[in-house]
Amino acid sequence: MFKNTVILIFILFSLSFNLQFSQVNSDWQWSHPKPQGNDIRFIKMISPTQGVAVGYTGTLMRTTNGGLNWLVYSNYFGTYVSFLGQGKNIYGGDFFGSTGVAAGTQGWVARTTNGGANWDSVGSSAGTTALWNASFGDANTVYIGGNSGMVLKSVNGGASWTTATSPSSNANRTIFALDANTVFTGSTNGMIYKSTNGASSWTPISTGSTTSIIFGIYFFNASTGFVCGGTSYVRYTTDGGTNWNIPSVTPAGTEIRLFGRKNPDEVYILGDLFNLIRTTNYGSSWTAIPYQYPGQPIGLTSNTMDITGSTMLVGGVNGLLNISTNSGTNWAGVAKSIEQLEHV
């Protein structure tokens, strides 16, 4: 009975997604690592039970029980390398409520309005420019940053996009919207750029480096914010970027990333080899949170994380996706609940 139920569920999911996507490489499944080995680049828990993770070669993962089990879809976001049947790489995204956007290879943008259950490809004006990250300023205003100084803007929740004024010719590897009009981008030369008029014009802000790629930006308000980047580069400001401070603890890594949230006000800095630190007092002190579970191989780098209640998720290279259900005290690896599904 159970086996028949699983098969029926598999068929129903396949039929529902075939309305938009045709199957490809259906005879191929991940055997190691489980549930899949593509890099995870963005995780979001839309509610305490529902969440999504996206990444390389069109990887989409969904959970409906707080991250304990996942459905895994390969090549979900359409074909990038046609003769290999390889899906598009997704580099980043963001959500506002149940509406989300994901961005990646060749100017490609996807949108969901039901918490990641279904995604539609939407047009952008980026051409073949790689898009790296997205950020909602409010329910309607969304920004995306990309290579060659590309900034895209949507005023209808990601349904359509226009090209905004570029802050520089350098790649915008990260973007963060404090509100609908205040937005920051991170460059490849240690600079960040700030706009207070909806990306119509930009002000350059030096963070103290001329070489570090800025991979992460998070501001609590116009004065207090954090940036991080390559080679263990972490700085924070309490005066809007006039002065930048070095934290007392910095995790090791070549691509440092961060996650911030309000109420409670917290910042997490992610480094290589399971290094994760947290501050709850705007950088004055830090607490280490090792997220490697017993027996997990070393050498995995994190790219993204999210938190809902006491549940924490960290995702990264080679399919890294670790979960803690007690605020980081104990960790485990995720497991898929049914067979992996493949779509384009």
C-alpha atoms as a PDB file:
ATOM      1  CA  MET A   1       0.000   0.000   0.000  1.00  0.00           C
ATOM      2  CA  PHE A   2       2.771   2.428   0.964  1.00  0.00           C
ATOM      3  CA  LYS A   3       4.754   1.669  -2.195  1.00  0.00           C
ATOM      4  CA  ASN A   4       1.695   2.303  -4.365  1.00  0.00           C
ATOM      5  CA  THR A   5       1.040   5.593  -2.566  1.00  0.00           C
ATOM      6  CA  VAL A   6       4.606   6.770  -3.198  1.00  0.00           C
ATOM      7  CA  ILE A   7       4.324   5.867  -6.886  1.00  0.00           C
ATOM      8  CA  LEU A   8       1.015   7.732  -7.139  1.00  0.00           C
ATOM      9  CA  ILE A   9       2.517  10.834  -5.519  1.00  0.00           C
ATOM     10  CA  PHE A  10       5.464  10.669  -7.929  1.00  0.00           C
ATOM     11  CA  ILE A  11       3.119  10.476 -10.932  1.00  0.00           C
ATOM     12  CA  LEU A  12       0.953  13.354  -9.730  1.00  0.00           C
ATOM     13  CA  PHE A  13       3.954  15.632  -9.206  1.00  0.00           C
ATOM     14  CA  SER A  14       5.358  14.686 -12.607  1.00  0.00           C
ATOM     15  CA  LEU A  15       2.075  15.436 -14.366  1.00  0.00           C
ATOM     16  CA  SER A  16       1.592  18.783 -12.616  1.00  0.00           C
ATOM     17  CA  PHE A  17       5.066  20.017 -13.532  1.00  0.00           C
ATOM     18  CA  ASN A  18       4.886  18.711 -17.094  1.00  0.00           C
ATOM     19  CA  LEU A  19       2.287  21.404 -17.745  1.00  0.00           C
ATOM     20  CA  GLN A  20       5.215  23.829 -17.866  1.00  0.00           C
ATOM     21  CA  PHE A  21       8.298  21.651 -18.276  1.00  0.00           C
ATOM     22  CA  SER A  22       9.208  18.543 -20.273  1.00  0.00           C
ATOM     23  CA  GLN A  23      11.254  15.792 -18.693  1.00  0.00           C
ATOM     24  CA  VAL A  24      14.943  15.367 -19.477  1.00  0.00           C
ATOM     25  CA  ASN A  25      17.495  12.707 -18.452  1.00  0.00           C
ATOM     26  CA  SER A  26      14.735  10.895 -16.600  1.00  0.00           C
ATOM     27  CA  ASP A  27      16.864   7.740 -16.365  1.00  0.00           C
ATOM     28  CA  TRP A  28      19.561   9.527 -14.348  1.00  0.00           C
ATOM     29  CA  GLN A  29      19.371   9.999 -10.576  1.00  0.00           C
ATOM     30  CA  TRP A  30      21.864  11.088  -7.927  1.00  0.00           C
ATOM     31  CA  SER A  31      23.335   8.053  -6.181  1.00  0.00           C
ATOM     32  CA  HIS A  32      25.976   9.945  -4.202  1.00  0.00           C
ATOM     33  CA  PRO A  33      25.774  12.302  -2.461  1.00  0.00           C
ATOM     34  CA  LYS A  34      22.144  12.077  -1.397  1.00  0.00           C
ATOM     35  CA  PRO A  35      19.770  13.728  -2.019  1.00  0.00           C
ATOM     36  CA  GLN A  36      21.767  15.605  -4.699  1.00  0.00           C
ATOM     37  CA  GLY A  37      25.229  17.068  -5.235  1.00  0.00           C
ATOM     38  CA  ASN A  38      24.692  20.401  -6.984  1.00  0.00           C
ATOM     39  CA  ASP A  39      25.621  23.576  -5.132  1.00  0.00           C
ATOM     40  CA  ILE A  40      22.832  25.168  -3.094  1.00  0.00           C
ATOM     41  CA  ARG A  41      22.946  28.956  -3.498  1.00  0.00           C
ATOM     42  CA  PHE A  42      19.750  30.210  -1.840  1.00  0.00           C
ATOM     43  CA  ILE A  43      17.494  28.909   0.946  1.00  0.00           C
ATOM     44  CA  LYS A  44      14.289  30.418   2.244  1.00  0.00           C
ATOM     45  CA  MET A  45      11.795  29.192   4.825  1.00  0.00           C
ATOM     46  CA  ILE A  46       8.519  30.810   3.784  1.00  0.00           C
ATOM     47  CA  SER A  47       6.800  29.508   6.929  1.00  0.00           C
ATOM     48  CA  PRO A  48       7.792  27.230   9.814  1.00  0.00           C
ATOM     49  CA  THR A  49       6.865  24.241   7.632  1.00  0.00           C
ATOM     50  CA  GLN A  50       7.392  25.299   3.988  1.00  0.00           C
ATOM     51  CA  GLY A  51      10.738  26.167   2.457  1.00  0.00           C
ATOM     52  CA  VAL A  52      12.727  26.101  -0.782  1.00  0.00           C
ATOM     53  CA  ALA A  53      16.365  25.762  -1.802  1.00  0.00           C
ATOM     54  CA  VAL A  54      17.714  26.470  -5.290  1.00  0.00           C
ATOM     55  CA  GLY A  55      21.108  26.131  -6.907  1.00  0.00           C
ATOM     56  CA  TYR A  56      23.225  24.928  -9.787  1.00  0.00           C
ATOM     57  CA  THR A  57      21.946  23.153 -12.918  1.00  0.00           C
ATOM     58  CA  GLY A  58      18.373  24.096 -12.162  1.00  0.00           C
ATOM     59  CA  THR A  59      18.210  22.426  -8.768  1.00  0.00           C
ATOM     60  CA  LEU A  60      15.004  23.039  -6.812  1.00  0.00           C
ATOM     61  CA  MET A  61      14.332  21.497  -3.410  1.00  0.00           C
ATOM     62  CA  ARG A  62      11.094  21.878  -1.433  1.00  0.00           C
ATOM     63  CA  THR A  63      10.110  20.987   2.095  1.00  0.00           C
ATOM     64  CA  THR A  64       6.668  20.994   3.682  1.00  0.00           C
ATOM     65  CA  ASN A  65       7.683  19.775   7.142  1.00  0.00           C
ATOM     66  CA  GLY A  66      10.209  22.320   8.341  1.00  0.00           C
ATOM     67  CA  GLY A  67      13.222  20.948   6.460  1.00  0.00           C
ATOM     68  CA  LEU A  68      13.113  17.388   7.777  1.00  0.00           C
ATOM     69  CA  ASN A  69      12.329  15.941   4.324  1.00  0.00           C
ATOM     70  CA  TRP A  70      12.762  17.376   0.852  1.00  0.00           C
ATOM     71  CA  LEU A  71      11.474  16.857  -2.649  1.00  0.00           C
ATOM     72  CA  VAL A  72      14.317  17.267  -5.151  1.00  0.00           C
ATOM     73  CA  TYR A  73      13.823  18.515  -8.714  1.00  0.00           C
ATOM     74  CA  SER A  74      16.731  18.565 -11.188  1.00  0.00           C
ATOM     75  CA  ASN A  75      16.875  20.762 -14.306  1.00  0.00           C
ATOM     76  CA  TYR A  76      13.720  22.460 -13.097  1.00  0.00           C
ATOM     77  CA  PHE A  77      14.450  25.931 -14.451  1.00  0.00           C
ATOM     78  CA  GLY A  78      15.002  25.095 -18.104  1.00  0.00           C
ATOM     79  CA  THR A  79      17.970  23.939 -20.175  1.00  0.00           C
ATOM     80  CA  TYR A  80      21.209  25.950 -20.280  1.00  0.00           C
ATOM     81  CA  VAL A  81      23.588  23.508 -22.006  1.00  0.00           C
ATOM     82  CA  SER A  82      21.189  21.866 -24.455  1.00  0.00           C
ATOM     83  CA  PHE A  83      23.364  19.002 -25.690  1.00  0.00           C
ATOM     84  CA  LEU A  84      23.987  17.948 -22.081  1.00  0.00           C
ATOM     85  CA  GLY A  85      20.442  18.586 -20.909  1.00  0.00           C
ATOM     86  CA  GLN A  86      21.924  20.715 -18.115  1.00  0.00           C
ATOM     87  CA  GLY A  87      19.623  23.140 -16.325  1.00  0.00           C
ATOM     88  CA  LYS A  88      20.291  26.795 -15.648  1.00  0.00           C
ATOM     89  CA  ASN A  89      22.435  27.759 -12.666  1.00  0.00           C
ATOM     90  CA  ILE A  90      20.567  29.737 -10.006  1.00  0.00           C
ATOM     91  CA  TYR A  91      22.834  32.089  -8.066  1.00  0.00           C
ATOM     92  CA  GLY A  92      20.472  33.853  -5.654  1.00  0.00           C
ATOM     93  CA  GLY A  93      16.988  35.012  -4.822  1.00  0.00           C
ATOM     94  CA  ASP A  94      14.669  36.538  -2.250  1.00  0.00           C
ATOM     95  CA  PHE A  95      11.117  36.295  -0.937  1.00  0.00           C
ATOM     96  CA  PHE A  96       8.488  38.685   0.370  1.00  0.00           C
ATOM     97  CA  GLY A  97       5.799  36.556   1.925  1.00  0.00           C
ATOM     98  CA  SER A  98       4.863  33.830  -0.565  1.00  0.00           C
ATOM     99  CA  THR A  99       6.182  35.799  -3.577  1.00  0.00           C
ATOM    100  CA  GLY A 100       9.756  35.036  -4.552  1.00  0.00           C
ATOM    101  CA  VAL A 101      12.252  35.543  -7.353  1.00  0.00           C
ATOM    102  CA  ALA A 102      15.337  33.559  -8.341  1.00  0.00           C
ATOM    103  CA  ALA A 103      18.074  34.776 -10.676  1.00  0.00           C
ATOM    104  CA  GLY A 104      21.005  33.187 -12.442  1.00  0.00           C
ATOM    105  CA  THR A 105      22.520  32.141 -15.750  1.00  0.00           C
ATOM    106  CA  GLN A 106      22.248  34.380 -18.839  1.00  0.00           C
ATOM    107  CA  GLY A 107      19.958  37.034 -17.387  1.00  0.00           C
ATOM    108  CA  TRP A 108      17.370  34.475 -16.384  1.00  0.00           C
ATOM    109  CA  VAL A 109      14.730  35.266 -13.735  1.00  0.00           C
ATOM    110  CA  ALA A 110      12.039  32.995 -12.269  1.00  0.00           C
ATOM    111  CA  ARG A 111       9.077  34.005 -10.115  1.00  0.00           C
ATOM    112  CA  THR A 112       6.752  32.201  -7.718  1.00  0.00           C
ATOM    113  CA  THR A 113       3.619  33.507  -6.011  1.00  0.00           C
ATOM    114  CA  ASN A 114       2.799  30.404  -3.968  1.00  0.00           C
ATOM    115  CA  GLY A 115       5.835  29.913  -1.775  1.00  0.00           C
ATOM    116  CA  GLY A 116       7.944  28.058  -4.329  1.00  0.00           C
ATOM    117  CA  ALA A 117       5.446  25.343  -5.266  1.00  0.00           C
ATOM    118  CA  ASN A 118       5.426  26.555  -8.887  1.00  0.00           C
ATOM    119  CA  TRP A 119       7.780  28.889 -10.739  1.00  0.00           C
ATOM    120  CA  ASP A 120       7.356  30.783 -14.002  1.00  0.00           C
ATOM    121  CA  SER A 121      10.119  32.193 -16.186  1.00  0.00           C
ATOM    122  CA  VAL A 122       9.726  35.959 -16.561  1.00  0.00           C
ATOM    123  CA  GLY A 123      11.532  38.163 -19.040  1.00  0.00           C
ATOM    124  CA  SER A 124      14.336  40.499 -18.037  1.00  0.00           C
ATOM    125  CA  SER A 125      16.368  43.102 -19.881  1.00  0.00           C
ATOM    126  CA  ALA A 126      19.688  41.579 -18.807  1.00  0.00           C
ATOM    127  CA  GLY A 127      20.366  39.728 -22.071  1.00  0.00           C
ATOM    128  CA  THR A 128      23.055  37.118 -21.380  1.00  0.00           C
ATOM    129  CA  THR A 129      24.426  38.866 -18.274  1.00  0.00           C
ATOM    130  CA  ALA A 130      24.755  36.621 -15.224  1.00  0.00           C
ATOM    131  CA  LEU A 131      22.520  37.721 -12.340  1.00  0.00           C
ATOM    132  CA  TRP A 132      23.770  37.071  -8.820  1.00  0.00           C
ATOM    133  CA  ASN A 133      21.249  38.054  -6.189  1.00  0.00           C
ATOM    134  CA  ALA A 134      17.858  39.615  -5.488  1.00  0.00           C
ATOM    135  CA  SER A 135      16.319  41.697  -2.699  1.00  0.00           C
ATOM    136  CA  PHE A 136      12.774  42.879  -1.977  1.00  0.00           C
ATOM    137  CA  GLY A 137      12.409  46.447  -0.689  1.00  0.00           C
ATOM    138  CA  ASP A 138       8.696  45.940  -0.143  1.00  0.00           C
ATOM    139  CA  ALA A 139       5.945  43.736  -1.550  1.00  0.00           C
ATOM    140  CA  ASN A 140       6.180  45.387  -4.981  1.00  0.00           C
ATOM    141  CA  THR A 141       9.759  46.633  -5.314  1.00  0.00           C
ATOM    142  CA  VAL A 142      12.508  44.128  -6.087  1.00  0.00           C
ATOM    143  CA  TYR A 143      16.123  44.586  -7.175  1.00  0.00           C
ATOM    144  CA  ILE A 144      18.551  42.179  -8.847  1.00  0.00           C
ATOM    145  CA  GLY A 145      22.309  42.665  -9.216  1.00  0.00           C
ATOM    146  CA  GLY A 146      24.469  41.166 -11.951  1.00  0.00           C
ATOM    147  CA  ASN A 147      27.733  41.290 -13.876  1.00  0.00           C
ATOM    148  CA  SER A 148      29.086  44.458 -15.497  1.00  0.00           C
ATOM    149  CA  GLY A 149      27.259  46.687 -13.010  1.00  0.00           C
ATOM    150  CA  MET A 150      23.834  45.375 -14.030  1.00  0.00           C
ATOM    151  CA  VAL A 151      20.920  46.349 -11.766  1.00  0.00           C
ATOM    152  CA  LEU A 152      17.373  45.265 -12.565  1.00  0.00           C
ATOM    153  CA  LYS A 153      14.293  46.691 -10.879  1.00  0.00           C
ATOM    154  CA  SER A 154      10.698  45.502 -10.644  1.00  0.00           C
ATOM    155  CA  VAL A 155       7.803  47.535  -9.262  1.00  0.00           C
ATOM    156  CA  ASN A 156       5.207  44.759  -9.532  1.00  0.00           C
ATOM    157  CA  GLY A 157       6.652  42.037  -7.334  1.00  0.00           C
ATOM    158  CA  GLY A 158       8.932  40.570  -9.990  1.00  0.00           C
ATOM    159  CA  ALA A 159       6.329  40.129 -12.744  1.00  0.00           C
ATOM    160  CA  SER A 160       8.346  42.382 -15.086  1.00  0.00           C
ATOM    161  CA  TRP A 161      11.740  44.065 -14.996  1.00  0.00           C
ATOM    162  CA  THR A 162      13.509  47.182 -16.243  1.00  0.00           C
ATOM    163  CA  THR A 163      17.195  48.092 -16.276  1.00  0.00           C
ATOM    164  CA  ALA A 164      18.083  50.610 -13.570  1.00  0.00           C
ATOM    165  CA  THR A 165      21.051  52.973 -13.493  1.00  0.00           C
ATOM    166  CA  SER A 166      24.322  51.095 -13.073  1.00  0.00           C
ATOM    167  CA  PRO A 167      26.482  52.052 -10.066  1.00  0.00           C
ATOM    168  CA  SER A 168      29.744  51.008 -11.805  1.00  0.00           C
ATOM    169  CA  SER A 169      31.146  48.670 -14.422  1.00  0.00           C
ATOM    170  CA  ASN A 170      32.078  46.080 -11.808  1.00  0.00           C
ATOM    171  CA  ALA A 171      29.974  43.028 -11.058  1.00  0.00           C
ATOM    172  CA  ASN A 172      27.285  43.436  -8.421  1.00  0.00           C
ATOM    173  CA  ARG A 173      27.777  40.127  -6.619  1.00  0.00           C
ATOM    174  CA  THR A 174      25.253  41.060  -3.936  1.00  0.00           C
ATOM    175  CA  ILE A 175      22.380  43.494  -3.539  1.00  0.00           C
ATOM    176  CA  PHE A 176      20.356  44.539  -0.491  1.00  0.00           C
ATOM    177  CA  ALA A 177      17.242  46.720  -0.334  1.00  0.00           C
ATOM    178  CA  LEU A 178      16.564  48.381   3.003  1.00  0.00           C
ATOM    179  CA  ASP A 179      13.252  49.674   1.653  1.00  0.00           C
ATOM    180  CA  ALA A 180      11.696  50.485  -1.714  1.00  0.00           C
ATOM    181  CA  ASN A 181      14.087  53.394  -2.405  1.00  0.00           C
ATOM    182  CA  THR A 182      17.202  52.583  -0.353  1.00  0.00           C
ATOM    183  CA  VAL A 183      19.347  49.893  -1.940  1.00  0.00           C
ATOM    184  CA  PHE A 184      22.992  48.799  -1.671  1.00  0.00           C
ATOM    185  CA  THR A 185      25.141  46.820  -4.109  1.00  0.00           C
ATOM    186  CA  GLY A 186      28.507  45.171  -3.555  1.00  0.00           C
ATOM    187  CA  SER A 187      31.332  45.469  -6.034  1.00  0.00           C
ATOM    188  CA  THR A 188      34.474  43.513  -6.844  1.00  0.00           C
ATOM    189  CA  ASN A 189      36.882  46.145  -5.505  1.00  0.00           C
ATOM    190  CA  GLY A 190      35.809  46.425  -1.868  1.00  0.00           C
ATOM    191  CA  MET A 191      33.321  49.172  -2.628  1.00  0.00           C
ATOM    192  CA  ILE A 192      29.626  49.244  -1.958  1.00  0.00           C
ATOM    193  CA  TYR A 193      27.213  51.623  -3.648  1.00  0.00           C
ATOM    194  CA  LYS A 194      24.145  53.171  -2.067  1.00  0.00           C
ATOM    195  CA  SER A 195      21.037  54.617  -3.694  1.00  0.00           C
ATOM    196  CA  THR A 196      18.292  56.483  -1.842  1.00  0.00           C
ATOM    197  CA  ASN A 197      16.141  57.163  -4.906  1.00  0.00           C
ATOM    198  CA  GLY A 198      15.254  53.707  -6.167  1.00  0.00           C
ATOM    199  CA  ALA A 199      18.475  53.036  -8.129  1.00  0.00           C
ATOM    200  CA  SER A 200      18.269  56.262 -10.165  1.00  0.00           C
ATOM    201  CA  SER A 201      21.670  57.359  -8.863  1.00  0.00           C
ATOM    202  CA  TRP A 202      24.359  55.903  -6.623  1.00  0.00           C
ATOM    203  CA  THR A 203      26.915  57.045  -4.043  1.00  0.00           C
ATOM    204  CA  PRO A 204      30.156  55.019  -3.711  1.00  0.00           C
ATOM    205  CA  ILE A 205      31.164  53.992  -0.182  1.00  0.00           C
ATOM    206  CA  SER A 206      34.617  52.579   0.596  1.00  0.00           C
ATOM    207  CA  THR A 207      34.645  49.753   3.133  1.00  0.00           C
ATOM    208  CA  GLY A 208      38.429  49.849   3.560  1.00  0.00           C
ATOM    209  CA  SER A 209      39.559  47.407   0.863  1.00  0.00           C
ATOM    210  CA  THR A 210      40.404  47.872  -2.801  1.00  0.00           C
ATOM    211  CA  THR A 211      40.584  44.172  -3.670  1.00  0.00           C
ATOM    212  CA  SER A 212      37.912  42.227  -1.776  1.00  0.00           C
ATOM    213  CA  ILE A 213      34.829  41.060  -3.643  1.00  0.00           C
ATOM    214  CA  ILE A 214      31.770  41.996  -1.591  1.00  0.00           C
ATOM    215  CA  PHE A 215      29.584  38.896  -1.297  1.00  0.00           C
ATOM    216  CA  GLY A 216      27.195  40.057   1.413  1.00  0.00           C
ATOM    217  CA  ILE A 217      25.463  43.236   2.624  1.00  0.00           C
ATOM    218  CA  TYR A 218      22.938  43.678   5.414  1.00  0.00           C
ATOM    219  CA  PHE A 219      21.731  46.929   6.995  1.00  0.00           C
ATOM    220  CA  PHE A 220      19.386  47.179   9.972  1.00  0.00           C
ATOM    221  CA  ASN A 221      18.798  50.867   9.274  1.00  0.00           C
ATOM    222  CA  ALA A 222      20.491  53.738   7.466  1.00  0.00           C
ATOM    223  CA  SER A 223      23.336  53.782  10.024  1.00  0.00           C
ATOM    224  CA  THR A 224      24.097  50.215  11.106  1.00  0.00           C
ATOM    225  CA  GLY A 225      25.176  47.614   8.590  1.00  0.00           C
ATOM    226  CA  PHE A 226      27.561  44.765   7.757  1.00  0.00           C
ATOM    227  CA  VAL A 227      29.509  43.761   4.660  1.00  0.00           C
ATOM    228  CA  CYS A 228      31.581  40.674   3.961  1.00  0.00           C
ATOM    229  CA  GLY A 229      33.648  39.365   1.095  1.00  0.00           C
ATOM    230  CA  GLY A 230      36.637  37.381  -0.045  1.00  0.00           C
ATOM    231  CA  THR A 231      39.587  36.322   2.116  1.00  0.00           C
ATOM    232  CA  SER A 232      37.848  36.567   5.503  1.00  0.00           C
ATOM    233  CA  TYR A 233      36.773  40.152   4.875  1.00  0.00           C
ATOM    234  CA  VAL A 234      34.114  41.350   7.359  1.00  0.00           C
ATOM    235  CA  ARG A 235      33.360  44.965   8.326  1.00  0.00           C
ATOM    236  CA  TYR A 236      30.527  46.759  10.087  1.00  0.00           C
ATOM    237  CA  THR A 237      29.492  50.392  10.412  1.00  0.00           C
ATOM    238  CA  THR A 238      27.348  52.319  12.873  1.00  0.00           C
ATOM    239  CA  ASP A 239      27.505  55.668  11.067  1.00  0.00           C
ATOM    240  CA  GLY A 240      26.200  54.852   7.608  1.00  0.00           C
ATOM    241  CA  GLY A 241      29.553  53.810   6.151  1.00  0.00           C
ATOM    242  CA  THR A 242      31.768  56.738   7.128  1.00  0.00           C
ATOM    243  CA  ASN A 243      33.786  54.434   9.372  1.00  0.00           C
ATOM    244  CA  TRP A 244      34.087  50.651   9.304  1.00  0.00           C
ATOM    245  CA  ASN A 245      35.006  48.342  12.178  1.00  0.00           C
ATOM    246  CA  ILE A 246      36.685  44.926  12.168  1.00  0.00           C
ATOM    247  CA  PRO A 247      34.902  42.263  14.252  1.00  0.00           C
ATOM    248  CA  SER A 248      36.785  40.675  17.121  1.00  0.00           C
ATOM    249  CA  VAL A 249      36.238  37.262  15.475  1.00  0.00           C
ATOM    250  CA  THR A 250      36.326  36.555  11.737  1.00  0.00           C
ATOM    251  CA  PRO A 251      35.723  33.127  10.203  1.00  0.00           C
ATOM    252  CA  ALA A 252      38.254  31.814   7.720  1.00  0.00           C
ATOM    253  CA  GLY A 253      37.273  31.587   4.077  1.00  0.00           C
ATOM    254  CA  THR A 254      37.762  32.831   0.551  1.00  0.00           C
ATOM    255  CA  GLU A 255      34.075  33.663  -0.027  1.00  0.00           C
ATOM    256  CA  ILE A 256      32.616  34.913   3.249  1.00  0.00           C
ATOM    257  CA  ARG A 257      28.842  35.414   3.231  1.00  0.00           C
ATOM    258  CA  LEU A 258      26.308  36.698   5.707  1.00  0.00           C
ATOM    259  CA  PHE A 259      22.693  36.415   6.792  1.00  0.00           C
ATOM    260  CA  GLY A 260      20.861  39.086   8.761  1.00  0.00           C
ATOM    261  CA  ARG A 261      17.397  39.391  10.245  1.00  0.00           C
ATOM    262  CA  LYS A 262      15.417  41.780  12.385  1.00  0.00           C
ATOM    263  CA  ASN A 263      13.312  41.110  15.474  1.00  0.00           C
ATOM    264  CA  PRO A 264      15.489  39.668  16.913  1.00  0.00           C
ATOM    265  CA  ASP A 265      18.368  41.643  15.437  1.00  0.00           C
ATOM    266  CA  GLU A 266      21.027  39.107  14.454  1.00  0.00           C
ATOM    267  CA  VAL A 267      23.824  38.766  11.935  1.00  0.00           C
ATOM    268  CA  TYR A 268      25.424  35.463  10.958  1.00  0.00           C
ATOM    269  CA  ILE A 269      28.745  35.282   9.109  1.00  0.00           C
ATOM    270  CA  LEU A 270      29.402  32.096   7.116  1.00  0.00           C
ATOM    271  CA  GLY A 271      32.919  30.957   6.315  1.00  0.00           C
ATOM    272  CA  ASP A 272      34.606  27.876   4.896  1.00  0.00           C
ATOM    273  CA  LEU A 273      34.822  24.498   6.616  1.00  0.00           C
ATOM    274  CA  PHE A 274      31.730  24.840   8.791  1.00  0.00           C
ATOM    275  CA  ASN A 275      32.635  28.203  10.312  1.00  0.00           C
ATOM    276  CA  LEU A 276      29.577  30.166  11.425  1.00  0.00           C
ATOM    277  CA  ILE A 277      29.502  33.066  13.896  1.00  0.00           C
ATOM    278  CA  ARG A 278      26.615  35.149  15.230  1.00  0.00           C
ATOM    279  CA  THR A 279      26.260  38.573  16.797  1.00  0.00           C
ATOM    280  CA  THR A 280      23.171  39.847  18.594  1.00  0.00           C
ATOM    281  CA  ASN A 281      24.675  43.202  19.610  1.00  0.00           C
ATOM    282  CA  TYR A 282      25.654  44.672  16.226  1.00  0.00           C
ATOM    283  CA  GLY A 283      29.186  43.295  16.192  1.00  0.00           C
ATOM    284  CA  SER A 284      30.316  44.014  19.728  1.00  0.00           C
ATOM    285  CA  SER A 285      30.675  40.294  20.479  1.00  0.00           C
ATOM    286  CA  TRP A 286      30.315  37.036  18.548  1.00  0.00           C
ATOM    287  CA  THR A 287      29.351  33.429  19.262  1.00  0.00           C
ATOM    288  CA  ALA A 288      30.626  30.460  17.245  1.00  0.00           C
ATOM    289  CA  ILE A 289      28.038  27.956  15.943  1.00  0.00           C
ATOM    290  CA  PRO A 290      29.677  24.842  14.428  1.00  0.00           C
ATOM    291  CA  TYR A 291      27.197  23.338  11.971  1.00  0.00           C
ATOM    292  CA  GLN A 292      29.036  20.156  10.973  1.00  0.00           C
ATOM    293  CA  TYR A 293      27.170  17.045  12.036  1.00  0.00           C
ATOM    294  CA  PRO A 294      29.060  13.977  13.376  1.00  0.00           C
ATOM    295  CA  GLY A 295      30.782  12.106  10.566  1.00  0.00           C
ATOM    296  CA  GLN A 296      30.198  14.762   7.909  1.00  0.00           C
ATOM    297  CA  PRO A 297      33.153  15.153   5.487  1.00  0.00           C
ATOM    298  CA  ILE A 298      35.152  18.353   5.799  1.00  0.00           C
ATOM    299  CA  GLY A 299      35.896  20.707   2.918  1.00  0.00           C
ATOM    300  CA  LEU A 300      32.353  21.932   2.287  1.00  0.00           C
ATOM    301  CA  THR A 301      31.744  25.674   1.902  1.00  0.00           C
ATOM    302  CA  SER A 302      28.471  27.345   2.819  1.00  0.00           C
ATOM    303  CA  ASN A 303      26.716  29.771   0.477  1.00  0.00           C
ATOM    304  CA  THR A 304      23.429  30.549   2.196  1.00  0.00           C
ATOM    305  CA  MET A 305      21.307  30.066   5.292  1.00  0.00           C
ATOM    306  CA  ASP A 306      17.906  30.860   6.762  1.00  0.00           C
ATOM    307  CA  ILE A 307      16.140  30.681  10.113  1.00  0.00           C
ATOM    308  CA  THR A 308      12.544  30.213  11.207  1.00  0.00           C
ATOM    309  CA  GLY A 309      11.844  29.832  14.905  1.00  0.00           C
ATOM    310  CA  SER A 310      14.353  27.338  16.298  1.00  0.00           C
ATOM    311  CA  THR A 311      15.033  25.793  12.862  1.00  0.00           C
ATOM    312  CA  MET A 312      18.261  26.766  11.090  1.00  0.00           C
ATOM    313  CA  LEU A 313      19.334  25.668   7.605  1.00  0.00           C
ATOM    314  CA  VAL A 314      22.751  26.075   5.968  1.00  0.00           C
ATOM    315  CA  GLY A 315      23.361  25.247   2.300  1.00  0.00           C
ATOM    316  CA  GLY A 316      26.451  25.214   0.134  1.00  0.00           C
ATOM    317  CA  VAL A 317      28.713  23.402  -2.292  1.00  0.00           C
ATOM    318  CA  ASN A 318      28.240  19.799  -3.419  1.00  0.00           C
ATOM    319  CA  GLY A 319      24.673  19.751  -2.133  1.00  0.00           C
ATOM    320  CA  LEU A 320      25.536  20.774   1.433  1.00  0.00           C
ATOM    321  CA  LEU A 321      22.253  21.230   3.294  1.00  0.00           C
ATOM    322  CA  ASN A 322      22.412  20.953   7.074  1.00  0.00           C
ATOM    323  CA  ILE A 323      19.567  21.488   9.521  1.00  0.00           C
ATOM    324  CA  SER A 324      19.266  22.240  13.214  1.00  0.00           C
ATOM    325  CA  THR A 325      15.899  22.190  14.993  1.00  0.00           C
ATOM    326  CA  ASN A 326      17.237  23.538  18.287  1.00  0.00           C
ATOM    327  CA  SER A 327      18.793  26.890  17.295  1.00  0.00           C
ATOM    328  CA  GLY A 328      22.155  25.464  16.274  1.00  0.00           C
ATOM    329  CA  THR A 329      22.908  23.168  19.208  1.00  0.00           C
ATOM    330  CA  ASN A 330      22.718  19.970  17.141  1.00  0.00           C
ATOM    331  CA  TRP A 331      22.872  19.444  13.373  1.00  0.00           C
ATOM    332  CA  ALA A 332      21.969  16.770  10.836  1.00  0.00           C
ATOM    333  CA  GLY A 333      21.994  16.347   7.062  1.00  0.00           C
ATOM    334  CA  VAL A 334      18.716  16.459   5.150  1.00  0.00           C
ATOM    335  CA  ALA A 335      17.103  13.406   3.537  1.00  0.00           C
ATOM    336  CA  LYS A 336      14.703  13.309   0.598  1.00  0.00           C
ATOM    337  CA  SER A 337      11.287  11.788   1.092  1.00  0.00           C
ATOM    338  CA  ILE A 338      10.551  10.413  -2.411  1.00  0.00           C
ATOM    339  CA  GLU A 339      12.418   9.800  -5.636  1.00  0.00           C
ATOM    340  CA  GLN A 340      14.220  12.715  -7.229  1.00  0.00           C
ATOM    341  CA  LEU A 341      12.220  14.399  -9.999  1.00  0.00           C
ATOM    342  CA  GLU A 342      13.785  15.800 -13.169  1.00  0.00           C
ATOM    343  CA  HIS A 343      12.352  18.584 -15.314  1.00  0.00           C
ATOM    344  CA  VAL A 344      13.200  21.359 -17.716  1.00  0.00           C
END
